Amino acid sequence: MFANFLMPDPPDQKVEIAELTVGPIIVVVFAFVWWFIFLRKEMDGGKKWLKWLAMIPLVGMALYGLRYIGYVNNVMYMSIDGMLGTGNRVKIPHFIPTALPAVGALAMAIWGFIHSRQGYDDY
């Protein structure tokens, strides 16, 4: 299972849009809630490194989402339910599990960099 993690065997049926979007959305919301909670604690004098732990689920979900990108390049998977030759309409949702957490992690990194350069008197 782990040896072929990024290019697994395709499933017998097509992956539904809910499976592609709900997981990453939940992970991104959880990570941003974690970020906000520990950002407030940092402003109150807490440890600065705790907010960066919110990046762990985002990076993990982005890596897990790579398996869905592997499905797009598999002819056996794309031939299920006539998806072969349908163009980007079917392919683009398979990039959501990787792109959404990656964009969230990038937004947190930029926000953290800007926030660390400002003084707390600005708020």
PDB file of N, CA and C in Angstrom:
ATOM      1  N   MET A   1       0.821  -1.193   0.000  1.00  0.00           N
ATOM      2  CA  MET A   1       0.000   0.000   0.000  1.00  0.00           C
ATOM      3  C   MET A   1       0.868   1.260   0.000  1.00  0.00           C
ATOM      4  N   PHE A   2       1.869   1.310   0.869  1.00  0.00           N
ATOM      5  CA  PHE A   2       2.658   2.529   0.976  1.00  0.00           C
ATOM      6  C   PHE A   2       3.690   2.656  -0.138  1.00  0.00           C
ATOM      7  N   ALA A   3       4.086   1.539  -0.746  1.00  0.00           N
ATOM      8  CA  ALA A   3       5.068   1.609  -1.818  1.00  0.00           C
ATOM      9  C   ALA A   3       4.486   2.285  -3.051  1.00  0.00           C
ATOM     10  N   ASN A   4       3.200   2.160  -3.249  1.00  0.00           N
ATOM     11  CA  ASN A   4       2.551   2.713  -4.429  1.00  0.00           C
ATOM     12  C   ASN A   4       1.552   3.804  -4.024  1.00  0.00           C
ATOM     13  N   PHE A   5       1.934   4.652  -3.090  1.00  0.00           N
ATOM     14  CA  PHE A   5       1.006   5.617  -2.520  1.00  0.00           C
ATOM     15  C   PHE A   5       0.596   6.695  -3.518  1.00  0.00           C
ATOM     16  N   LEU A   6       1.553   7.234  -4.261  1.00  0.00           N
ATOM     17  CA  LEU A   6       1.240   8.347  -5.140  1.00  0.00           C
ATOM     18  C   LEU A   6       0.588   7.915  -6.445  1.00  0.00           C
ATOM     19  N   MET A   7       0.781   6.697  -6.858  1.00  0.00           N
ATOM     20  CA  MET A   7       0.162   6.191  -8.082  1.00  0.00           C
ATOM     21  C   MET A   7      -0.556   4.882  -7.766  1.00  0.00           C
ATOM     22  N   PRO A   8      -1.618   4.924  -6.992  1.00  0.00           N
ATOM     23  CA  PRO A   8      -2.306   3.692  -6.602  1.00  0.00           C
ATOM     24  C   PRO A   8      -3.121   3.128  -7.756  1.00  0.00           C
ATOM     25  N   ASP A   9      -3.579   1.914  -7.571  1.00  0.00           N
ATOM     26  CA  ASP A   9      -4.494   1.332  -8.541  1.00  0.00           C
ATOM     27  C   ASP A   9      -5.781   2.137  -8.521  1.00  0.00           C
ATOM     28  N   PRO A  10      -6.374   2.383  -9.665  1.00  0.00           N
ATOM     29  CA  PRO A  10      -7.595   3.198  -9.689  1.00  0.00           C
ATOM     30  C   PRO A  10      -8.768   2.447  -9.080  1.00  0.00           C
ATOM     31  N   PRO A  11      -9.719   3.166  -8.532  1.00  0.00           N
ATOM     32  CA  PRO A  11     -10.903   2.506  -7.983  1.00  0.00           C
ATOM     33  C   PRO A  11     -11.774   1.936  -9.108  1.00  0.00           C
ATOM     34  N   ASP A  12     -12.714   1.069  -8.732  1.00  0.00           N
ATOM     35  CA  ASP A  12     -13.598   0.451  -9.719  1.00  0.00           C
ATOM     36  C   ASP A  12     -14.679   1.398 -10.214  1.00  0.00           C
ATOM     37  N   GLN A  13     -14.942   2.444  -9.486  1.00  0.00           N
ATOM     38  CA  GLN A  13     -15.931   3.432  -9.909  1.00  0.00           C
ATOM     39  C   GLN A  13     -15.327   4.815  -9.790  1.00  0.00           C
ATOM     40  N   LYS A  14     -15.922   5.774 -10.465  1.00  0.00           N
ATOM     41  CA  LYS A  14     -15.329   7.105 -10.439  1.00  0.00           C
ATOM     42  C   LYS A  14     -15.482   7.730  -9.057  1.00  0.00           C
ATOM     43  N   VAL A  15     -14.557   8.605  -8.738  1.00  0.00           N
ATOM     44  CA  VAL A  15     -14.550   9.295  -7.455  1.00  0.00           C
ATOM     45  C   VAL A  15     -15.568  10.424  -7.537  1.00  0.00           C
ATOM     46  N   GLU A  16     -16.454  10.486  -6.576  1.00  0.00           N
ATOM     47  CA  GLU A  16     -17.492  11.523  -6.575  1.00  0.00           C
ATOM     48  C   GLU A  16     -16.895  12.869  -6.196  1.00  0.00           C
ATOM     49  N   ILE A  17     -17.566  13.924  -6.611  1.00  0.00           N
ATOM     50  CA  ILE A  17     -17.097  15.293  -6.342  1.00  0.00           C
ATOM     51  C   ILE A  17     -17.069  15.579  -4.838  1.00  0.00           C
ATOM     52  N   ALA A  18     -17.991  14.965  -4.079  1.00  0.00           N
ATOM     53  CA  ALA A  18     -18.000  15.178  -2.632  1.00  0.00           C
ATOM     54  C   ALA A  18     -16.739  14.603  -1.989  1.00  0.00           C
ATOM     55  N   GLU A  19     -16.287  13.459  -2.477  1.00  0.00           N
ATOM     56  CA  GLU A  19     -15.065  12.871  -1.937  1.00  0.00           C
ATOM     57  C   GLU A  19     -13.851  13.723  -2.259  1.00  0.00           C
ATOM     58  N   LEU A  20     -13.900  14.407  -3.375  1.00  0.00           N
ATOM     59  CA  LEU A  20     -12.781  15.253  -3.777  1.00  0.00           C
ATOM     60  C   LEU A  20     -12.747  16.586  -3.045  1.00  0.00           C
ATOM     61  N   THR A  21     -13.888  17.082  -2.587  1.00  0.00           N
ATOM     62  CA  THR A  21     -13.924  18.435  -2.027  1.00  0.00           C
ATOM     63  C   THR A  21     -14.168  18.512  -0.523  1.00  0.00           C
ATOM     64  N   VAL A  22     -14.957  17.619   0.034  1.00  0.00           N
ATOM     65  CA  VAL A  22     -15.338  17.747   1.445  1.00  0.00           C
ATOM     66  C   VAL A  22     -14.141  17.575   2.370  1.00  0.00           C
ATOM     67  N   GLY A  23     -13.316  16.576   2.127  1.00  0.00           N
ATOM     68  CA  GLY A  23     -12.142  16.351   2.974  1.00  0.00           C
ATOM     69  C   GLY A  23     -11.199  17.537   3.012  1.00  0.00           C
ATOM     70  N   PRO A  24     -10.781  18.055   1.852  1.00  0.00           N
ATOM     71  CA  PRO A  24      -9.887  19.216   1.877  1.00  0.00           C
ATOM     72  C   PRO A  24     -10.511  20.457   2.519  1.00  0.00           C
ATOM     73  N   ILE A  25     -11.806  20.664   2.314  1.00  0.00           N
ATOM     74  CA  ILE A  25     -12.461  21.825   2.925  1.00  0.00           C
ATOM     75  C   ILE A  25     -12.454  21.703   4.442  1.00  0.00           C
ATOM     76  N   ILE A  26     -12.753  20.514   4.958  1.00  0.00           N
ATOM     77  CA  ILE A  26     -12.738  20.301   6.410  1.00  0.00           C
ATOM     78  C   ILE A  26     -11.340  20.519   6.967  1.00  0.00           C
ATOM     79  N   VAL A  27     -10.320  20.008   6.291  1.00  0.00           N
ATOM     80  CA  VAL A  27      -8.947  20.166   6.760  1.00  0.00           C
ATOM     81  C   VAL A  27      -8.533  21.638   6.741  1.00  0.00           C
ATOM     82  N   VAL A  28      -8.880  22.366   5.697  1.00  0.00           N
ATOM     83  CA  VAL A  28      -8.509  23.783   5.608  1.00  0.00           C
ATOM     84  C   VAL A  28      -9.224  24.595   6.691  1.00  0.00           C
ATOM     85  N   VAL A  29     -10.495  24.330   6.909  1.00  0.00           N
ATOM     86  CA  VAL A  29     -11.237  25.049   7.963  1.00  0.00           C
ATOM     87  C   VAL A  29     -10.638  24.737   9.332  1.00  0.00           C
ATOM     88  N   PHE A  30     -10.353  23.459   9.605  1.00  0.00           N
ATOM     89  CA  PHE A  30      -9.734  23.080  10.873  1.00  0.00           C
ATOM     90  C   PHE A  30      -8.392  23.787  11.062  1.00  0.00           C
ATOM     91  N   ALA A  31      -7.575  23.827  10.015  1.00  0.00           N
ATOM     92  CA  ALA A  31      -6.256  24.448  10.120  1.00  0.00           C
ATOM     93  C   ALA A  31      -6.366  25.955  10.369  1.00  0.00           C
ATOM     94  N   PHE A  32      -7.312  26.620   9.693  1.00  0.00           N
ATOM     95  CA  PHE A  32      -7.457  28.060   9.914  1.00  0.00           C
ATOM     96  C   PHE A  32      -8.033  28.367  11.294  1.00  0.00           C
ATOM     97  N   VAL A  33      -8.916  27.522  11.803  1.00  0.00           N
ATOM     98  CA  VAL A  33      -9.408  27.715  13.173  1.00  0.00           C
ATOM     99  C   VAL A  33      -8.257  27.563  14.151  1.00  0.00           C
ATOM    100  N   TRP A  34      -7.430  26.524  13.958  1.00  0.00           N
ATOM    101  CA  TRP A  34      -6.241  26.328  14.792  1.00  0.00           C
ATOM    102  C   TRP A  34      -5.345  27.570  14.708  1.00  0.00           C
ATOM    103  N   TRP A  35      -5.131  28.067  13.494  1.00  0.00           N
ATOM    104  CA  TRP A  35      -4.272  29.232  13.274  1.00  0.00           C
ATOM    105  C   TRP A  35      -4.797  30.446  14.032  1.00  0.00           C
ATOM    106  N   PHE A  36      -6.106  30.718  13.917  1.00  0.00           N
ATOM    107  CA  PHE A  36      -6.684  31.880  14.591  1.00  0.00           C
ATOM    108  C   PHE A  36      -6.591  31.766  16.107  1.00  0.00           C
ATOM    109  N   ILE A  37      -6.864  30.586  16.640  1.00  0.00           N
ATOM    110  CA  ILE A  37      -6.820  30.391  18.099  1.00  0.00           C
ATOM    111  C   ILE A  37      -5.424  30.677  18.625  1.00  0.00           C
ATOM    112  N   PHE A  38      -4.415  30.097  18.000  1.00  0.00           N
ATOM    113  CA  PHE A  38      -3.058  30.271  18.511  1.00  0.00           C
ATOM    114  C   PHE A  38      -2.442  31.599  18.095  1.00  0.00           C
ATOM    115  N   LEU A  39      -2.989  32.237  17.081  1.00  0.00           N
ATOM    116  CA  LEU A  39      -2.563  33.603  16.769  1.00  0.00           C
ATOM    117  C   LEU A  39      -3.012  34.552  17.883  1.00  0.00           C
ATOM    118  N   ARG A  40      -4.229  34.360  18.353  1.00  0.00           N
ATOM    119  CA  ARG A  40      -4.717  35.180  19.480  1.00  0.00           C
ATOM    120  C   ARG A  40      -3.912  34.896  20.743  1.00  0.00           C
ATOM    121  N   LYS A  41      -3.604  33.629  20.986  1.00  0.00           N
ATOM    122  CA  LYS A  41      -2.800  33.295  22.169  1.00  0.00           C
ATOM    123  C   LYS A  41      -1.394  33.878  22.058  1.00  0.00           C
ATOM    124  N   GLU A  42      -0.848  33.923  20.848  1.00  0.00           N
ATOM    125  CA  GLU A  42       0.466  34.530  20.657  1.00  0.00           C
ATOM    126  C   GLU A  42       0.417  36.020  20.960  1.00  0.00           C
ATOM    127  N   MET A  43      -0.659  36.672  20.540  1.00  0.00           N
ATOM    128  CA  MET A  43      -0.788  38.109  20.806  1.00  0.00           C
ATOM    129  C   MET A  43      -0.974  38.392  22.292  1.00  0.00           C
ATOM    130  N   ASP A  44      -1.471  37.391  23.026  1.00  0.00           N
ATOM    131  CA  ASP A  44      -1.615  37.535  24.475  1.00  0.00           C
ATOM    132  C   ASP A  44      -0.370  37.093  25.237  1.00  0.00           C
ATOM    133  N   GLY A  45       0.684  36.732  24.513  1.00  0.00           N
ATOM    134  CA  GLY A  45       1.938  36.371  25.161  1.00  0.00           C
ATOM    135  C   GLY A  45       2.246  34.889  25.123  1.00  0.00           C
ATOM    136  N   GLY A  46       1.526  34.105  24.353  1.00  0.00           N
ATOM    137  CA  GLY A  46       1.770  32.665  24.266  1.00  0.00           C
ATOM    138  C   GLY A  46       2.943  32.338  23.354  1.00  0.00           C
ATOM    139  N   LYS A  47       3.148  31.048  23.187  1.00  0.00           N
ATOM    140  CA  LYS A  47       4.264  30.581  22.356  1.00  0.00           C
ATOM    141  C   LYS A  47       3.962  30.822  20.879  1.00  0.00           C
ATOM    142  N   LYS A  48       4.967  31.296  20.166  1.00  0.00           N
ATOM    143  CA  LYS A  48       4.775  31.650  18.758  1.00  0.00           C
ATOM    144  C   LYS A  48       4.726  30.436  17.836  1.00  0.00           C
ATOM    145  N   TRP A  49       5.357  29.352  18.200  1.00  0.00           N
ATOM    146  CA  TRP A  49       5.478  28.214  17.302  1.00  0.00           C
ATOM    147  C   TRP A  49       4.212  27.370  17.223  1.00  0.00           C
ATOM    148  N   LEU A  50       3.289  27.521  18.164  1.00  0.00           N
ATOM    149  CA  LEU A  50       2.094  26.670  18.172  1.00  0.00           C
ATOM    150  C   LEU A  50       1.194  26.910  16.966  1.00  0.00           C
ATOM    151  N   LYS A  51       1.136  28.138  16.481  1.00  0.00           N
ATOM    152  CA  LYS A  51       0.274  28.407  15.330  1.00  0.00           C
ATOM    153  C   LYS A  51       0.788  27.722  14.068  1.00  0.00           C
ATOM    154  N   TRP A  52       2.083  27.478  13.998  1.00  0.00           N
ATOM    155  CA  TRP A  52       2.654  26.843  12.806  1.00  0.00           C
ATOM    156  C   TRP A  52       2.321  25.356  12.728  1.00  0.00           C
ATOM    157  N   LEU A  53       1.845  24.774  13.814  1.00  0.00           N
ATOM    158  CA  LEU A  53       1.418  23.372  13.764  1.00  0.00           C
ATOM    159  C   LEU A  53       0.181  23.186  12.889  1.00  0.00           C
ATOM    160  N   ALA A  54      -0.500  24.268  12.573  1.00  0.00           N
ATOM    161  CA  ALA A  54      -1.663  24.187  11.686  1.00  0.00           C
ATOM    162  C   ALA A  54      -1.260  23.846  10.258  1.00  0.00           C
ATOM    163  N   MET A  55       0.010  23.969   9.939  1.00  0.00           N
ATOM    164  CA  MET A  55       0.485  23.623   8.594  1.00  0.00           C
ATOM    165  C   MET A  55       0.559  22.111   8.390  1.00  0.00           C
ATOM    166  N   ILE A  56       0.682  21.346   9.459  1.00  0.00           N
ATOM    167  CA  ILE A  56       0.850  19.891   9.341  1.00  0.00           C
ATOM    168  C   ILE A  56      -0.332  19.234   8.642  1.00  0.00           C
ATOM    169  N   PRO A  57      -1.587  19.491   9.060  1.00  0.00           N
ATOM    170  CA  PRO A  57      -2.691  18.855   8.321  1.00  0.00           C
ATOM    171  C   PRO A  57      -2.817  19.351   6.885  1.00  0.00           C
ATOM    172  N   LEU A  58      -2.443  20.594   6.632  1.00  0.00           N
ATOM    173  CA  LEU A  58      -2.523  21.104   5.263  1.00  0.00           C
ATOM    174  C   LEU A  58      -1.513  20.415   4.348  1.00  0.00           C
ATOM    175  N   VAL A  59      -0.305  20.270   4.813  1.00  0.00           N
ATOM    176  CA  VAL A  59       0.714  19.596   4.008  1.00  0.00           C
ATOM    177  C   VAL A  59       0.349  18.123   3.838  1.00  0.00           C
ATOM    178  N   GLY A  60      -0.149  17.505   4.906  1.00  0.00           N
ATOM    179  CA  GLY A  60      -0.560  16.105   4.818  1.00  0.00           C
ATOM    180  C   GLY A  60      -1.685  15.900   3.820  1.00  0.00           C
ATOM    181  N   MET A  61      -2.677  16.777   3.824  1.00  0.00           N
ATOM    182  CA  MET A  61      -3.790  16.645   2.879  1.00  0.00           C
ATOM    183  C   MET A  61      -3.340  16.917   1.453  1.00  0.00           C
ATOM    184  N   ALA A  62      -2.424  17.856   1.272  1.00  0.00           N
ATOM    185  CA  ALA A  62      -1.915  18.127  -0.075  1.00  0.00           C
ATOM    186  C   ALA A  62      -1.165  16.914  -0.618  1.00  0.00           C
ATOM    187  N   LEU A  63      -0.386  16.255   0.230  1.00  0.00           N
ATOM    188  CA  LEU A  63       0.316  15.045  -0.210  1.00  0.00           C
ATOM    189  C   LEU A  63      -0.668  13.912  -0.478  1.00  0.00           C
ATOM    190  N   TYR A  64      -1.680  13.776   0.355  1.00  0.00           N
ATOM    191  CA  TYR A  64      -2.689  12.740   0.136  1.00  0.00           C
ATOM    192  C   TYR A  64      -3.471  13.008  -1.152  1.00  0.00           C
ATOM    193  N   GLY A  65      -3.689  14.254  -1.479  1.00  0.00           N
ATOM    194  CA  GLY A  65      -4.428  14.619  -2.681  1.00  0.00           C
ATOM    195  C   GLY A  65      -3.699  14.305  -3.970  1.00  0.00           C
ATOM    196  N   LEU A  66      -2.403  14.064  -3.892  1.00  0.00           N
ATOM    197  CA  LEU A  66      -1.644  13.723  -5.098  1.00  0.00           C
ATOM    198  C   LEU A  66      -2.132  12.424  -5.725  1.00  0.00           C
ATOM    199  N   ARG A  67      -2.709  11.538  -4.931  1.00  0.00           N
ATOM    200  CA  ARG A  67      -3.198  10.274  -5.484  1.00  0.00           C
ATOM    201  C   ARG A  67      -4.335  10.507  -6.466  1.00  0.00           C
ATOM    202  N   TYR A  68      -5.143  11.537  -6.258  1.00  0.00           N
ATOM    203  CA  TYR A  68      -6.238  11.823  -7.182  1.00  0.00           C
ATOM    204  C   TYR A  68      -5.724  12.381  -8.506  1.00  0.00           C
ATOM    205  N   ILE A  69      -4.614  13.103  -8.460  1.00  0.00           N
ATOM    206  CA  ILE A  69      -4.003  13.574  -9.701  1.00  0.00           C
ATOM    207  C   ILE A  69      -3.491  12.374 -10.495  1.00  0.00           C
ATOM    208  N   GLY A  70      -3.007  11.355  -9.796  1.00  0.00           N
ATOM    209  CA  GLY A  70      -2.572  10.142 -10.469  1.00  0.00           C
ATOM    210  C   GLY A  70      -3.709   9.426 -11.176  1.00  0.00           C
ATOM    211  N   TYR A  71      -4.913   9.542 -10.646  1.00  0.00           N
ATOM    212  CA  TYR A  71      -6.067   8.913 -11.300  1.00  0.00           C
ATOM    213  C   TYR A  71      -6.348   9.542 -12.666  1.00  0.00           C
ATOM    214  N   VAL A  72      -6.130  10.843 -12.787  1.00  0.00           N
ATOM    215  CA  VAL A  72      -6.444  11.547 -14.023  1.00  0.00           C
ATOM    216  C   VAL A  72      -5.604  11.016 -15.181  1.00  0.00           C
ATOM    217  N   ASN A  73      -4.369  10.624 -14.899  1.00  0.00           N
ATOM    218  CA  ASN A  73      -3.478  10.143 -15.948  1.00  0.00           C
ATOM    219  C   ASN A  73      -3.637   8.651 -16.229  1.00  0.00           C
ATOM    220  N   ASN A  74      -4.540   7.980 -15.539  1.00  0.00           N
ATOM    221  CA  ASN A  74      -4.747   6.551 -15.715  1.00  0.00           C
ATOM    222  C   ASN A  74      -5.894   6.323 -16.700  1.00  0.00           C
ATOM    223  N   VAL A  75      -5.603   5.669 -17.806  1.00  0.00           N
ATOM    224  CA  VAL A  75      -6.611   5.454 -18.845  1.00  0.00           C
ATOM    225  C   VAL A  75      -7.728   4.535 -18.352  1.00  0.00           C
ATOM    226  N   MET A  76      -7.389   3.550 -17.522  1.00  0.00           N
ATOM    227  CA  MET A  76      -8.415   2.634 -17.006  1.00  0.00           C
ATOM    228  C   MET A  76      -9.433   3.391 -16.140  1.00  0.00           C
ATOM    229  N   TYR A  77      -8.956   4.319 -15.324  1.00  0.00           N
ATOM    230  CA  TYR A  77      -9.861   5.100 -14.483  1.00  0.00           C
ATOM    231  C   TYR A  77     -10.704   6.048 -15.320  1.00  0.00           C
ATOM    232  N   MET A  78     -10.086   6.707 -16.277  1.00  0.00           N
ATOM    233  CA  MET A  78     -10.812   7.682 -17.087  1.00  0.00           C
ATOM    234  C   MET A  78     -11.828   7.022 -18.018  1.00  0.00           C
ATOM    235  N   SER A  79     -11.682   5.740 -18.279  1.00  0.00           N
ATOM    236  CA  SER A  79     -12.656   5.055 -19.137  1.00  0.00           C
ATOM    237  C   SER A  79     -13.916   4.648 -18.369  1.00  0.00           C
ATOM    238  N   ILE A  80     -13.907   4.769 -17.052  1.00  0.00           N
ATOM    239  CA  ILE A  80     -15.088   4.459 -16.243  1.00  0.00           C
ATOM    240  C   ILE A  80     -16.162   5.508 -16.515  1.00  0.00           C
ATOM    241  N   ASP A  81     -17.363   5.086 -16.746  1.00  0.00           N
ATOM    242  CA  ASP A  81     -18.520   5.969 -16.961  1.00  0.00           C
ATOM    243  C   ASP A  81     -18.291   6.992 -18.078  1.00  0.00           C
ATOM    244  N   GLY A  82     -17.470   6.660 -19.047  1.00  0.00           N
ATOM    245  CA  GLY A  82     -17.299   7.534 -20.203  1.00  0.00           C
ATOM    246  C   GLY A  82     -16.558   8.815 -19.915  1.00  0.00           C
ATOM    247  N   MET A  83     -15.656   8.825 -18.931  1.00  0.00           N
ATOM    248  CA  MET A  83     -14.920  10.050 -18.612  1.00  0.00           C
ATOM    249  C   MET A  83     -13.793  10.312 -19.597  1.00  0.00           C
ATOM    250  N   LEU A  84     -13.364   9.278 -20.346  1.00  0.00           N
ATOM    251  CA  LEU A  84     -12.258   9.439 -21.278  1.00  0.00           C
ATOM    252  C   LEU A  84     -12.677  10.363 -22.419  1.00  0.00           C
ATOM    253  N   GLY A  85     -11.903  11.374 -22.673  1.00  0.00           N
ATOM    254  CA  GLY A  85     -12.198  12.304 -23.753  1.00  0.00           C
ATOM    255  C   GLY A  85     -13.168  13.405 -23.382  1.00  0.00           C
ATOM    256  N   THR A  86     -13.511  13.549 -22.109  1.00  0.00           N
ATOM    257  CA  THR A  86     -14.450  14.599 -21.711  1.00  0.00           C
ATOM    258  C   THR A  86     -13.759  15.927 -21.450  1.00  0.00           C
ATOM    259  N   GLY A  87     -12.458  15.943 -21.443  1.00  0.00           N
ATOM    260  CA  GLY A  87     -11.733  17.197 -21.291  1.00  0.00           C
ATOM    261  C   GLY A  87     -11.551  17.599 -19.840  1.00  0.00           C
ATOM    262  N   ASN A  88     -11.358  18.885 -19.622  1.00  0.00           N
ATOM    263  CA  ASN A  88     -11.040  19.405 -18.296  1.00  0.00           C
ATOM    264  C   ASN A  88     -12.220  19.413 -17.343  1.00  0.00           C
ATOM    265  N   ARG A  89     -13.421  19.275 -17.852  1.00  0.00           N
ATOM    266  CA  ARG A  89     -14.607  19.291 -16.985  1.00  0.00           C
ATOM    267  C   ARG A  89     -14.530  18.200 -15.918  1.00  0.00           C
ATOM    268  N   VAL A  90     -13.934  17.086 -16.242  1.00  0.00           N
ATOM    269  CA  VAL A  90     -13.803  15.980 -15.303  1.00  0.00           C
ATOM    270  C   VAL A  90     -12.451  16.014 -14.606  1.00  0.00           C
ATOM    271  N   LYS A  91     -11.436  16.538 -15.245  1.00  0.00           N
ATOM    272  CA  LYS A  91     -10.083  16.495 -14.696  1.00  0.00           C
ATOM    273  C   LYS A  91      -9.833  17.536 -13.612  1.00  0.00           C
ATOM    274  N   ILE A  92     -10.389  18.716 -13.763  1.00  0.00           N
ATOM    275  CA  ILE A  92     -10.092  19.811 -12.836  1.00  0.00           C
ATOM    276  C   ILE A  92     -10.478  19.493 -11.387  1.00  0.00           C
ATOM    277  N   PRO A  93     -11.643  18.893 -11.096  1.00  0.00           N
ATOM    278  CA  PRO A  93     -11.953  18.591  -9.692  1.00  0.00           C
ATOM    279  C   PRO A  93     -10.958  17.641  -9.026  1.00  0.00           C
ATOM    280  N   HIS A  94     -10.220  16.862  -9.785  1.00  0.00           N
ATOM    281  CA  HIS A  94      -9.242  15.950  -9.197  1.00  0.00           C
ATOM    282  C   HIS A  94      -8.015  16.685  -8.657  1.00  0.00           C
ATOM    283  N   PHE A  95      -7.851  17.948  -9.004  1.00  0.00           N
ATOM    284  CA  PHE A  95      -6.744  18.743  -8.495  1.00  0.00           C
ATOM    285  C   PHE A  95      -7.104  19.469  -7.195  1.00  0.00           C
ATOM    286  N   ILE A  96      -8.382  19.514  -6.834  1.00  0.00           N
ATOM    287  CA  ILE A  96      -8.830  20.225  -5.629  1.00  0.00           C
ATOM    288  C   ILE A  96      -8.198  19.673  -4.352  1.00  0.00           C
ATOM    289  N   PRO A  97      -8.111  18.333  -4.148  1.00  0.00           N
ATOM    290  CA  PRO A  97      -7.526  17.849  -2.893  1.00  0.00           C
ATOM    291  C   PRO A  97      -6.068  18.233  -2.689  1.00  0.00           C
ATOM    292  N   THR A  98      -5.361  18.574  -3.738  1.00  0.00           N
ATOM    293  CA  THR A  98      -3.980  19.034  -3.590  1.00  0.00           C
ATOM    294  C   THR A  98      -3.898  20.552  -3.583  1.00  0.00           C
ATOM    295  N   ALA A  99      -4.648  21.198  -4.454  1.00  0.00           N
ATOM    296  CA  ALA A  99      -4.525  22.645  -4.617  1.00  0.00           C
ATOM    297  C   ALA A  99      -5.097  23.424  -3.432  1.00  0.00           C
ATOM    298  N   LEU A 100      -6.248  23.018  -2.916  1.00  0.00           N
ATOM    299  CA  LEU A 100      -6.880  23.775  -1.827  1.00  0.00           C
ATOM    300  C   LEU A 100      -6.011  23.817  -0.563  1.00  0.00           C
ATOM    301  N   PRO A 101      -5.502  22.681  -0.055  1.00  0.00           N
ATOM    302  CA  PRO A 101      -4.610  22.772   1.104  1.00  0.00           C
ATOM    303  C   PRO A 101      -3.295  23.483   0.801  1.00  0.00           C
ATOM    304  N   ALA A 102      -2.793  23.340  -0.417  1.00  0.00           N
ATOM    305  CA  ALA A 102      -1.539  24.025  -0.764  1.00  0.00           C
ATOM    306  C   ALA A 102      -1.730  25.539  -0.761  1.00  0.00           C
ATOM    307  N   VAL A 103      -2.847  26.006  -1.293  1.00  0.00           N
ATOM    308  CA  VAL A 103      -3.144  27.442  -1.278  1.00  0.00           C
ATOM    309  C   VAL A 103      -3.350  27.921   0.157  1.00  0.00           C
ATOM    310  N   GLY A 104      -4.026  27.109   0.976  1.00  0.00           N
ATOM    311  CA  GLY A 104      -4.207  27.461   2.386  1.00  0.00           C
ATOM    312  C   GLY A 104      -2.878  27.562   3.124  1.00  0.00           C
ATOM    313  N   ALA A 105      -1.978  26.615   2.873  1.00  0.00           N
ATOM    314  CA  ALA A 105      -0.661  26.645   3.517  1.00  0.00           C
ATOM    315  C   ALA A 105       0.147  27.854   3.053  1.00  0.00           C
ATOM    316  N   LEU A 106       0.046  28.175   1.768  1.00  0.00           N
ATOM    317  CA  LEU A 106       0.741  29.352   1.248  1.00  0.00           C
ATOM    318  C   LEU A 106       0.180  30.633   1.863  1.00  0.00           C
ATOM    319  N   ALA A 107      -1.143  30.704   1.993  1.00  0.00           N
ATOM    320  CA  ALA A 107      -1.760  31.880   2.611  1.00  0.00           C
ATOM    321  C   ALA A 107      -1.323  32.027   4.067  1.00  0.00           C
ATOM    322  N   MET A 108      -1.270  30.902   4.797  1.00  0.00           N
ATOM    323  CA  MET A 108      -0.820  30.962   6.192  1.00  0.00           C
ATOM    324  C   MET A 108       0.637  31.383   6.293  1.00  0.00           C
ATOM    325  N   ALA A 109       1.469  30.887   5.393  1.00  0.00           N
ATOM    326  CA  ALA A 109       2.888  31.242   5.437  1.00  0.00           C
ATOM    327  C   ALA A 109       3.089  32.731   5.161  1.00  0.00           C
ATOM    328  N   ILE A 110       2.385  33.261   4.171  1.00  0.00           N
ATOM    329  CA  ILE A 110       2.491  34.688   3.866  1.00  0.00           C
ATOM    330  C   ILE A 110       1.946  35.519   5.020  1.00  0.00           C
ATOM    331  N   TRP A 111       0.790  35.107   5.552  1.00  0.00           N
ATOM    332  CA  TRP A 111       0.186  35.824   6.666  1.00  0.00           C
ATOM    333  C   TRP A 111       1.114  35.795   7.884  1.00  0.00           C
ATOM    334  N   GLY A 112       1.698  34.642   8.175  1.00  0.00           N
ATOM    335  CA  GLY A 112       2.605  34.535   9.315  1.00  0.00           C
ATOM    336  C   GLY A 112       3.845  35.389   9.150  1.00  0.00           C
ATOM    337  N   PHE A 113       4.358  35.449   7.918  1.00  0.00           N
ATOM    338  CA  PHE A 113       5.531  36.279   7.662  1.00  0.00           C
ATOM    339  C   PHE A 113       5.203  37.755   7.855  1.00  0.00           C
ATOM    340  N   ILE A 114       4.096  38.190   7.305  1.00  0.00           N
ATOM    341  CA  ILE A 114       3.689  39.592   7.451  1.00  0.00           C
ATOM    342  C   ILE A 114       3.382  39.910   8.915  1.00  0.00           C
ATOM    343  N   HIS A 115       2.706  38.997   9.597  1.00  0.00           N
ATOM    344  CA  HIS A 115       2.333  39.221  10.990  1.00  0.00           C
ATOM    345  C   HIS A 115       3.562  39.304  11.891  1.00  0.00           C
ATOM    346  N   SER A 116       4.580  38.510  11.609  1.00  0.00           N
ATOM    347  CA  SER A 116       5.774  38.538  12.451  1.00  0.00           C
ATOM    348  C   SER A 116       6.585  39.813  12.249  1.00  0.00           C
ATOM    349  N   ARG A 117       6.383  40.487  11.128  1.00  0.00           N
ATOM    350  CA  ARG A 117       7.113  41.727  10.853  1.00  0.00           C
ATOM    351  C   ARG A 117       6.410  42.951  11.426  1.00  0.00           C
ATOM    352  N   GLN A 118       5.138  42.800  11.820  1.00  0.00           N
ATOM    353  CA  GLN A 118       4.400  43.925  12.391  1.00  0.00           C
ATOM    354  C   GLN A 118       4.452  43.881  13.903  1.00  0.00           C
ATOM    355  N   GLY A 119       4.292  45.030  14.505  1.00  0.00           N
ATOM    356  CA  GLY A 119       4.196  45.083  15.956  1.00  0.00           C
ATOM    357  C   GLY A 119       2.774  44.819  16.406  1.00  0.00           C
ATOM    358  N   TYR A 120       2.615  44.392  17.636  1.00  0.00           N
ATOM    359  CA  TYR A 120       1.290  44.101  18.155  1.00  0.00           C
ATOM    360  C   TYR A 120       0.493  45.364  18.469  1.00  0.00           C
ATOM    361  N   ASP A 121       1.133  46.518  18.418  1.00  0.00           N
ATOM    362  CA  ASP A 121       0.431  47.765  18.668  1.00  0.00           C
ATOM    363  C   ASP A 121      -0.428  48.180  17.470  1.00  0.00           C
ATOM    364  N   ASP A 122      -0.224  47.525  16.333  1.00  0.00           N
ATOM    365  CA  ASP A 122      -0.986  47.872  15.127  1.00  0.00           C
ATOM    366  C   ASP A 122      -2.405  47.372  15.181  1.00  0.00           C
ATOM    367  N   TYR A 123      -2.775  46.546  16.141  1.00  0.00           N
ATOM    368  CA  TYR A 123      -4.104  45.938  16.158  1.00  0.00           C
ATOM    369  C   TYR A 123      -5.046  46.631  17.089  1.00  0.00           C
TER     370      TYR A 123
END
